[in-house]
Amino acid sequence: MTKADIVNEIARTTGIEKANVLDTIEKFMEVVKDSLANGENVYLRGFGSFIVKTRSEKVARNISKNTTIVIPEHKIPAFKPAKVFMEDVK
C-alpha cells in the first residue's frame, strides 16, 4: 500500500477531502521525523513506537581492497509494533 492508497482510503471512509488528508499525513510524518532527529521517541498506544536505536561501533571489511574499516557508533530510526498490532497481524 502506498501513501496515495492510504490517502484515498482515509478520504473515502471519512468523507474528508484528499488534499486535507494528504496534508495531515505529510505533517504527521514530518513531526515523527523531526522528533526522531532530536532523539525523542514517538509512542502511539495500540499501534507502536518510533524509536531511535544506537548501533555500536564495529569492524567491517572492504572485500575489494582487502582492508578493514571501523564503522563508528551511529543512530538509526526503528519501529516497534505494539502487542495488539502484532496480534492483529498474526
PDB file of N, CA and C in Angstrom:
ATOM      1  N   MET A   1       0.848  -1.172   0.000  1.00  0.00           N
ATOM      2  CA  MET A   1       0.000   0.000   0.000  1.00  0.00           C
ATOM      3  C   MET A   1       0.899   1.242   0.000  1.00  0.00           C
ATOM      4  N   THR A   2       0.598   2.181  -0.856  1.00  0.00           N
ATOM      5  CA  THR A   2       1.385   3.402  -0.960  1.00  0.00           C
ATOM      6  C   THR A   2       0.710   4.533  -0.180  1.00  0.00           C
ATOM      7  N   LYS A   3       1.410   5.654  -0.075  1.00  0.00           N
ATOM      8  CA  LYS A   3       0.841   6.815   0.613  1.00  0.00           C
ATOM      9  C   LYS A   3      -0.435   7.275  -0.097  1.00  0.00           C
ATOM     10  N   ALA A   4      -0.427   7.228  -1.422  1.00  0.00           N
ATOM     11  CA  ALA A   4      -1.623   7.628  -2.184  1.00  0.00           C
ATOM     12  C   ALA A   4      -2.798   6.706  -1.871  1.00  0.00           C
ATOM     13  N   ASP A   5      -2.534   5.414  -1.725  1.00  0.00           N
ATOM     14  CA  ASP A   5      -3.595   4.464  -1.373  1.00  0.00           C
ATOM     15  C   ASP A   5      -4.155   4.763   0.017  1.00  0.00           C
ATOM     16  N   ILE A   6      -3.278   5.101   0.944  1.00  0.00           N
ATOM     17  CA  ILE A   6      -3.713   5.431   2.303  1.00  0.00           C
ATOM     18  C   ILE A   6      -4.577   6.691   2.282  1.00  0.00           C
ATOM     19  N   VAL A   7      -4.139   7.703   1.540  1.00  0.00           N
ATOM     20  CA  VAL A   7      -4.914   8.944   1.431  1.00  0.00           C
ATOM     21  C   VAL A   7      -6.286   8.656   0.845  1.00  0.00           C
ATOM     22  N   ASN A   8      -6.343   7.874  -0.220  1.00  0.00           N
ATOM     23  CA  ASN A   8      -7.622   7.544  -0.850  1.00  0.00           C
ATOM     24  C   ASN A   8      -8.543   6.792   0.113  1.00  0.00           C
ATOM     25  N   GLU A   9      -8.004   5.844   0.864  1.00  0.00           N
ATOM     26  CA  GLU A   9      -8.818   5.049   1.789  1.00  0.00           C
ATOM     27  C   GLU A   9      -9.356   5.913   2.922  1.00  0.00           C
ATOM     28  N   ILE A  10      -8.522   6.764   3.495  1.00  0.00           N
ATOM     29  CA  ILE A  10      -8.981   7.636   4.581  1.00  0.00           C
ATOM     30  C   ILE A  10     -10.011   8.637   4.067  1.00  0.00           C
ATOM     31  N   ALA A  11      -9.780   9.213   2.891  1.00  0.00           N
ATOM     32  CA  ALA A  11     -10.729  10.167   2.313  1.00  0.00           C
ATOM     33  C   ALA A  11     -12.063   9.490   2.021  1.00  0.00           C
ATOM     34  N   ARG A  12     -12.006   8.269   1.523  1.00  0.00           N
ATOM     35  CA  ARG A  12     -13.237   7.540   1.191  1.00  0.00           C
ATOM     36  C   ARG A  12     -14.041   7.198   2.440  1.00  0.00           C
ATOM     37  N   THR A  13     -13.352   6.735   3.496  1.00  0.00           N
ATOM     38  CA  THR A  13     -14.081   6.286   4.686  1.00  0.00           C
ATOM     39  C   THR A  13     -14.517   7.414   5.609  1.00  0.00           C
ATOM     40  N   THR A  14     -13.824   8.560   5.577  1.00  0.00           N
ATOM     41  CA  THR A  14     -14.182   9.656   6.480  1.00  0.00           C
ATOM     42  C   THR A  14     -14.946  10.778   5.796  1.00  0.00           C
ATOM     43  N   GLY A  15     -14.842  10.884   4.486  1.00  0.00           N
ATOM     44  CA  GLY A  15     -15.504  11.974   3.777  1.00  0.00           C
ATOM     45  C   GLY A  15     -14.699  13.269   3.774  1.00  0.00           C
ATOM     46  N   ILE A  16     -13.481  13.224   4.271  1.00  0.00           N
ATOM     47  CA  ILE A  16     -12.607  14.401   4.269  1.00  0.00           C
ATOM     48  C   ILE A  16     -11.940  14.497   2.903  1.00  0.00           C
ATOM     49  N   GLU A  17     -11.715  15.722   2.443  1.00  0.00           N
ATOM     50  CA  GLU A  17     -11.099  15.916   1.136  1.00  0.00           C
ATOM     51  C   GLU A  17      -9.690  15.324   1.105  1.00  0.00           C
ATOM     52  N   LYS A  18      -9.311  14.792  -0.060  1.00  0.00           N
ATOM     53  CA  LYS A  18      -7.996  14.155  -0.213  1.00  0.00           C
ATOM     54  C   LYS A  18      -6.850  15.112   0.091  1.00  0.00           C
ATOM     55  N   ALA A  19      -6.987  16.368  -0.301  1.00  0.00           N
ATOM     56  CA  ALA A  19      -5.922  17.345  -0.063  1.00  0.00           C
ATOM     57  C   ALA A  19      -5.690  17.540   1.435  1.00  0.00           C
ATOM     58  N   ASN A  20      -6.766  17.587   2.212  1.00  0.00           N
ATOM     59  CA  ASN A  20      -6.638  17.742   3.663  1.00  0.00           C
ATOM     60  C   ASN A  20      -6.022  16.508   4.304  1.00  0.00           C
ATOM     61  N   VAL A  21      -6.422  15.341   3.832  1.00  0.00           N
ATOM     62  CA  VAL A  21      -5.864  14.089   4.357  1.00  0.00           C
ATOM     63  C   VAL A  21      -4.373  14.020   4.042  1.00  0.00           C
ATOM     64  N   LEU A  22      -4.004  14.372   2.816  1.00  0.00           N
ATOM     65  CA  LEU A  22      -2.595  14.341   2.419  1.00  0.00           C
ATOM     66  C   LEU A  22      -1.780  15.313   3.265  1.00  0.00           C
ATOM     67  N   ASP A  23      -2.285  16.515   3.498  1.00  0.00           N
ATOM     68  CA  ASP A  23      -1.583  17.493   4.331  1.00  0.00           C
ATOM     69  C   ASP A  23      -1.380  16.963   5.750  1.00  0.00           C
ATOM     70  N   THR A  24      -2.402  16.317   6.290  1.00  0.00           N
ATOM     71  CA  THR A  24      -2.325  15.768   7.641  1.00  0.00           C
ATOM     72  C   THR A  24      -1.293  14.655   7.727  1.00  0.00           C
ATOM     73  N   ILE A  25      -1.292  13.765   6.757  1.00  0.00           N
ATOM     74  CA  ILE A  25      -0.323  12.664   6.745  1.00  0.00           C
ATOM     75  C   ILE A  25       1.089  13.198   6.583  1.00  0.00           C
ATOM     76  N   GLU A  26       1.264  14.168   5.698  1.00  0.00           N
ATOM     77  CA  GLU A  26       2.595  14.767   5.493  1.00  0.00           C
ATOM     78  C   GLU A  26       3.094  15.419   6.781  1.00  0.00           C
ATOM     79  N   LYS A  27       2.219  16.143   7.477  1.00  0.00           N
ATOM     80  CA  LYS A  27       2.608  16.806   8.723  1.00  0.00           C
ATOM     81  C   LYS A  27       2.939  15.772   9.798  1.00  0.00           C
ATOM     82  N   PHE A  28       2.169  14.690   9.869  1.00  0.00           N
ATOM     83  CA  PHE A  28       2.443  13.619  10.831  1.00  0.00           C
ATOM     84  C   PHE A  28       3.834  13.038  10.599  1.00  0.00           C
ATOM     85  N   MET A  29       4.153  12.738   9.343  1.00  0.00           N
ATOM     86  CA  MET A  29       5.462  12.163   9.031  1.00  0.00           C
ATOM     87  C   MET A  29       6.578  13.156   9.354  1.00  0.00           C
ATOM     88  N   GLU A  30       6.333  14.435   9.118  1.00  0.00           N
ATOM     89  CA  GLU A  30       7.335  15.461   9.420  1.00  0.00           C
ATOM     90  C   GLU A  30       7.590  15.553  10.922  1.00  0.00           C
ATOM     91  N   VAL A  31       6.514  15.504  11.721  1.00  0.00           N
ATOM     92  CA  VAL A  31       6.649  15.572  13.177  1.00  0.00           C
ATOM     93  C   VAL A  31       7.406  14.354  13.698  1.00  0.00           C
ATOM     94  N   VAL A  32       7.091  13.165  13.195  1.00  0.00           N
ATOM     95  CA  VAL A  32       7.790  11.948  13.618  1.00  0.00           C
ATOM     96  C   VAL A  32       9.265  12.045  13.245  1.00  0.00           C
ATOM     97  N   LYS A  33       9.563  12.463  12.021  1.00  0.00           N
ATOM     98  CA  LYS A  33      10.950  12.583  11.558  1.00  0.00           C
ATOM     99  C   LYS A  33      11.723  13.586  12.403  1.00  0.00           C
ATOM    100  N   ASP A  34      11.137  14.750  12.661  1.00  0.00           N
ATOM    101  CA  ASP A  34      11.804  15.770  13.454  1.00  0.00           C
ATOM    102  C   ASP A  34      12.039  15.304  14.895  1.00  0.00           C
ATOM    103  N   SER A  35      11.062  14.604  15.460  1.00  0.00           N
ATOM    104  CA  SER A  35      11.208  14.092  16.822  1.00  0.00           C
ATOM    105  C   SER A  35      12.349  13.087  16.906  1.00  0.00           C
ATOM    106  N   LEU A  36      12.405  12.164  15.953  1.00  0.00           N
ATOM    107  CA  LEU A  36      13.479  11.176  15.947  1.00  0.00           C
ATOM    108  C   LEU A  36      14.834  11.835  15.717  1.00  0.00           C
ATOM    109  N   ALA A  37      14.879  12.858  14.869  1.00  0.00           N
ATOM    110  CA  ALA A  37      16.131  13.561  14.608  1.00  0.00           C
ATOM    111  C   ALA A  37      16.630  14.268  15.870  1.00  0.00           C
ATOM    112  N   ASN A  38      15.708  14.667  16.744  1.00  0.00           N
ATOM    113  CA  ASN A  38      16.077  15.316  18.001  1.00  0.00           C
ATOM    114  C   ASN A  38      16.277  14.314  19.132  1.00  0.00           C
ATOM    115  N   GLY A  39      16.235  13.022  18.827  1.00  0.00           N
ATOM    116  CA  GLY A  39      16.470  11.989  19.832  1.00  0.00           C
ATOM    117  C   GLY A  39      15.261  11.651  20.678  1.00  0.00           C
ATOM    118  N   GLU A  40      14.087  12.109  20.290  1.00  0.00           N
ATOM    119  CA  GLU A  40      12.859  11.830  21.033  1.00  0.00           C
ATOM    120  C   GLU A  40      12.110  10.683  20.367  1.00  0.00           C
ATOM    121  N   ASN A  41      11.666   9.721  21.171  1.00  0.00           N
ATOM    122  CA  ASN A  41      10.860   8.621  20.648  1.00  0.00           C
ATOM    123  C   ASN A  41       9.407   9.060  20.532  1.00  0.00           C
ATOM    124  N   VAL A  42       8.657   8.415  19.630  1.00  0.00           N
ATOM    125  CA  VAL A  42       7.240   8.713  19.430  1.00  0.00           C
ATOM    126  C   VAL A  42       6.452   7.456  19.764  1.00  0.00           C
ATOM    127  N   TYR A  43       5.538   7.554  20.731  1.00  0.00           N
ATOM    128  CA  TYR A  43       4.760   6.412  21.190  1.00  0.00           C
ATOM    129  C   TYR A  43       3.300   6.587  20.775  1.00  0.00           C
ATOM    130  N   LEU A  44       2.755   5.602  20.056  1.00  0.00           N
ATOM    131  CA  LEU A  44       1.356   5.612  19.644  1.00  0.00           C
ATOM    132  C   LEU A  44       0.687   4.377  20.257  1.00  0.00           C
ATOM    133  N   ARG A  45      -0.039   4.594  21.350  1.00  0.00           N
ATOM    134  CA  ARG A  45      -0.644   3.490  22.088  1.00  0.00           C
ATOM    135  C   ARG A  45      -1.555   2.655  21.174  1.00  0.00           C
ATOM    136  N   GLY A  46      -1.368   1.355  21.205  1.00  0.00           N
ATOM    137  CA  GLY A  46      -2.168   0.444  20.399  1.00  0.00           C
ATOM    138  C   GLY A  46      -1.651   0.267  18.985  1.00  0.00           C
ATOM    139  N   PHE A  47      -0.643   1.043  18.599  1.00  0.00           N
ATOM    140  CA  PHE A  47      -0.080   0.932  17.255  1.00  0.00           C
ATOM    141  C   PHE A  47       1.390   0.538  17.322  1.00  0.00           C
ATOM    142  N   GLY A  48       2.203   1.365  17.980  1.00  0.00           N
ATOM    143  CA  GLY A  48       3.611   1.045  18.106  1.00  0.00           C
ATOM    144  C   GLY A  48       4.427   2.271  18.459  1.00  0.00           C
ATOM    145  N   SER A  49       5.738   2.101  18.426  1.00  0.00           N
ATOM    146  CA  SER A  49       6.650   3.173  18.797  1.00  0.00           C
ATOM    147  C   SER A  49       7.685   3.381  17.710  1.00  0.00           C
ATOM    148  N   PHE A  50       7.915   4.636  17.382  1.00  0.00           N
ATOM    149  CA  PHE A  50       9.020   5.005  16.513  1.00  0.00           C
ATOM    150  C   PHE A  50      10.154   5.373  17.460  1.00  0.00           C
ATOM    151  N   ILE A  51      11.260   4.627  17.387  1.00  0.00           N
ATOM    152  CA  ILE A  51      12.341   4.813  18.343  1.00  0.00           C
ATOM    153  C   ILE A  51      13.664   5.028  17.619  1.00  0.00           C
ATOM    154  N   VAL A  52      14.613   5.575  18.370  1.00  0.00           N
ATOM    155  CA  VAL A  52      15.965   5.762  17.857  1.00  0.00           C
ATOM    156  C   VAL A  52      16.842   4.700  18.518  1.00  0.00           C
ATOM    157  N   LYS A  53      17.447   3.838  17.698  1.00  0.00           N
ATOM    158  CA  LYS A  53      18.340   2.810  18.206  1.00  0.00           C
ATOM    159  C   LYS A  53      19.786   3.238  17.971  1.00  0.00           C
ATOM    160  N   THR A  54      20.656   2.832  18.878  1.00  0.00           N
ATOM    161  CA  THR A  54      22.075   3.128  18.734  1.00  0.00           C
ATOM    162  C   THR A  54      22.796   1.853  18.332  1.00  0.00           C
ATOM    163  N   ARG A  55      23.447   1.898  17.200  1.00  0.00           N
ATOM    164  CA  ARG A  55      24.266   0.773  16.742  1.00  0.00           C
ATOM    165  C   ARG A  55      25.683   0.983  17.255  1.00  0.00           C
ATOM    166  N   SER A  56      26.251  -0.034  17.857  1.00  0.00           N
ATOM    167  CA  SER A  56      27.586   0.107  18.419  1.00  0.00           C
ATOM    168  C   SER A  56      28.646   0.089  17.320  1.00  0.00           C
ATOM    169  N   GLU A  57      29.829   0.527  17.692  1.00  0.00           N
ATOM    170  CA  GLU A  57      30.948   0.550  16.756  1.00  0.00           C
ATOM    171  C   GLU A  57      31.314  -0.875  16.369  1.00  0.00           C
ATOM    172  N   LYS A  58      31.688  -1.079  15.111  1.00  0.00           N
ATOM    173  CA  LYS A  58      32.083  -2.419  14.682  1.00  0.00           C
ATOM    174  C   LYS A  58      33.140  -2.337  13.597  1.00  0.00           C
ATOM    175  N   VAL A  59      33.815  -3.454  13.410  1.00  0.00           N
ATOM    176  CA  VAL A  59      34.855  -3.549  12.394  1.00  0.00           C
ATOM    177  C   VAL A  59      34.259  -4.288  11.197  1.00  0.00           C
ATOM    178  N   ALA A  60      34.475  -3.733  10.005  1.00  0.00           N
ATOM    179  CA  ALA A  60      33.964  -4.348   8.778  1.00  0.00           C
ATOM    180  C   ALA A  60      35.115  -4.486   7.793  1.00  0.00           C
ATOM    181  N   ARG A  61      34.879  -5.229   6.745  1.00  0.00           N
ATOM    182  CA  ARG A  61      35.915  -5.446   5.741  1.00  0.00           C
ATOM    183  C   ARG A  61      35.455  -4.925   4.395  1.00  0.00           C
ATOM    184  N   ASN A  62      36.365  -4.250   3.709  1.00  0.00           N
ATOM    185  CA  ASN A  62      36.159  -3.853   2.336  1.00  0.00           C
ATOM    186  C   ASN A  62      36.786  -4.957   1.488  1.00  0.00           C
ATOM    187  N   ILE A  63      35.970  -5.826   0.952  1.00  0.00           N
ATOM    188  CA  ILE A  63      36.464  -7.013   0.258  1.00  0.00           C
ATOM    189  C   ILE A  63      37.249  -6.655  -0.995  1.00  0.00           C
ATOM    190  N   SER A  64      36.828  -5.640  -1.717  1.00  0.00           N
ATOM    191  CA  SER A  64      37.508  -5.309  -2.973  1.00  0.00           C
ATOM    192  C   SER A  64      38.930  -4.798  -2.744  1.00  0.00           C
ATOM    193  N   LYS A  65      39.162  -4.080  -1.646  1.00  0.00           N
ATOM    194  CA  LYS A  65      40.505  -3.556  -1.349  1.00  0.00           C
ATOM    195  C   LYS A  65      41.232  -4.400  -0.306  1.00  0.00           C
ATOM    196  N   ASN A  66      40.541  -5.384   0.254  1.00  0.00           N
ATOM    197  CA  ASN A  66      41.084  -6.262   1.283  1.00  0.00           C
ATOM    198  C   ASN A  66      41.614  -5.461   2.476  1.00  0.00           C
ATOM    199  N   THR A  67      40.797  -4.536   2.942  1.00  0.00           N
ATOM    200  CA  THR A  67      41.160  -3.721   4.096  1.00  0.00           C
ATOM    201  C   THR A  67      40.043  -3.777   5.126  1.00  0.00           C
ATOM    202  N   THR A  68      40.397  -3.441   6.349  1.00  0.00           N
ATOM    203  CA  THR A  68      39.381  -3.358   7.398  1.00  0.00           C
ATOM    204  C   THR A  68      39.079  -1.891   7.657  1.00  0.00           C
ATOM    205  N   ILE A  69      37.827  -1.628   7.969  1.00  0.00           N
ATOM    206  CA  ILE A  69      37.411  -0.281   8.315  1.00  0.00           C
ATOM    207  C   ILE A  69      36.606  -0.346   9.610  1.00  0.00           C
ATOM    208  N   VAL A  70      36.602   0.739  10.345  1.00  0.00           N
ATOM    209  CA  VAL A  70      35.818   0.822  11.564  1.00  0.00           C
ATOM    210  C   VAL A  70      34.583   1.658  11.276  1.00  0.00           C
ATOM    211  N   ILE A  71      33.434   1.059  11.526  1.00  0.00           N
ATOM    212  CA  ILE A  71      32.168   1.785  11.382  1.00  0.00           C
ATOM    213  C   ILE A  71      31.845   2.350  12.761  1.00  0.00           C
ATOM    214  N   PRO A  72      31.804   3.671  12.899  1.00  0.00           N
ATOM    215  CA  PRO A  72      31.590   4.270  14.223  1.00  0.00           C
ATOM    216  C   PRO A  72      30.171   4.030  14.739  1.00  0.00           C
ATOM    217  N   GLU A  73      29.996   4.226  16.032  1.00  0.00           N
ATOM    218  CA  GLU A  73      28.671   4.125  16.633  1.00  0.00           C
ATOM    219  C   GLU A  73      27.748   5.140  15.952  1.00  0.00           C
ATOM    220  N   HIS A  74      26.532   4.712  15.636  1.00  0.00           N
ATOM    221  CA  HIS A  74      25.594   5.614  14.981  1.00  0.00           C
ATOM    222  C   HIS A  74      24.168   5.271  15.383  1.00  0.00           C
ATOM    223  N   LYS A  75      23.253   6.175  15.091  1.00  0.00           N
ATOM    224  CA  LYS A  75      21.852   6.000  15.454  1.00  0.00           C
ATOM    225  C   LYS A  75      21.030   5.752  14.204  1.00  0.00           C
ATOM    226  N   ILE A  76      20.008   4.889  14.369  1.00  0.00           N
ATOM    227  CA  ILE A  76      19.113   4.588  13.258  1.00  0.00           C
ATOM    228  C   ILE A  76      17.663   4.647  13.750  1.00  0.00           C
ATOM    229  N   PRO A  77      16.734   5.041  12.888  1.00  0.00           N
ATOM    230  CA  PRO A  77      15.324   5.004  13.271  1.00  0.00           C
ATOM    231  C   PRO A  77      14.797   3.575  13.172  1.00  0.00           C
ATOM    232  N   ALA A  78      13.844   3.254  14.039  1.00  0.00           N
ATOM    233  CA  ALA A  78      13.246   1.915  14.024  1.00  0.00           C
ATOM    234  C   ALA A  78      11.784   2.029  14.451  1.00  0.00           C
ATOM    235  N   PHE A  79      11.017   0.997  14.111  1.00  0.00           N
ATOM    236  CA  PHE A  79       9.611   0.928  14.521  1.00  0.00           C
ATOM    237  C   PHE A  79       9.413  -0.351  15.309  1.00  0.00           C
ATOM    238  N   LYS A  80       8.796  -0.229  16.476  1.00  0.00           N
ATOM    239  CA  LYS A  80       8.493  -1.393  17.300  1.00  0.00           C
ATOM    240  C   LYS A  80       6.975  -1.474  17.430  1.00  0.00           C
ATOM    241  N   PRO A  81       6.346  -2.471  16.812  1.00  0.00           N
ATOM    242  CA  PRO A  81       4.887  -2.554  16.870  1.00  0.00           C
ATOM    243  C   PRO A  81       4.388  -2.932  18.267  1.00  0.00           C
ATOM    244  N   ALA A  82       3.185  -2.462  18.596  1.00  0.00           N
ATOM    245  CA  ALA A  82       2.561  -2.787  19.873  1.00  0.00           C
ATOM    246  C   ALA A  82       2.081  -4.237  19.847  1.00  0.00           C
ATOM    247  N   LYS A  83       1.869  -4.807  21.026  1.00  0.00           N
ATOM    248  CA  LYS A  83       1.418  -6.194  21.117  1.00  0.00           C
ATOM    249  C   LYS A  83       0.088  -6.393  20.406  1.00  0.00           C
ATOM    250  N   VAL A  84      -0.831  -5.436  20.565  1.00  0.00           N
ATOM    251  CA  VAL A  84      -2.140  -5.518  19.911  1.00  0.00           C
ATOM    252  C   VAL A  84      -1.961  -5.539  18.398  1.00  0.00           C
ATOM    253  N   PHE A  85      -1.064  -4.712  17.903  1.00  0.00           N
ATOM    254  CA  PHE A  85      -0.759  -4.655  16.473  1.00  0.00           C
ATOM    255  C   PHE A  85      -0.255  -6.019  16.008  1.00  0.00           C
ATOM    256  N   MET A  86       0.682  -6.587  16.752  1.00  0.00           N
ATOM    257  CA  MET A  86       1.264  -7.880  16.378  1.00  0.00           C
ATOM    258  C   MET A  86       0.211  -8.978  16.366  1.00  0.00           C
ATOM    259  N   GLU A  87      -0.679  -8.969  17.347  1.00  0.00           N
ATOM    260  CA  GLU A  87      -1.729  -9.988  17.409  1.00  0.00           C
ATOM    261  C   GLU A  87      -2.679  -9.880  16.222  1.00  0.00           C
ATOM    262  N   ASP A  88      -2.982  -8.653  15.785  1.00  0.00           N
ATOM    263  CA  ASP A  88      -3.871  -8.455  14.647  1.00  0.00           C
ATOM    264  C   ASP A  88      -3.230  -8.932  13.358  1.00  0.00           C
ATOM    265  N   VAL A  89      -1.917  -8.801  13.238  1.00  0.00           N
ATOM    266  CA  VAL A  89      -1.223  -9.208  12.028  1.00  0.00           C
ATOM    267  C   VAL A  89      -1.097 -10.722  11.953  1.00  0.00           C
ATOM    268  N   LYS A  90      -0.937 -11.383  13.077  1.00  0.00           N
ATOM    269  CA  LYS A  90      -0.767 -12.850  13.094  1.00  0.00           C
ATOM    270  C   LYS A  90      -1.934 -13.587  12.557  1.00  0.00           C
TER     271      LYS A  90
END
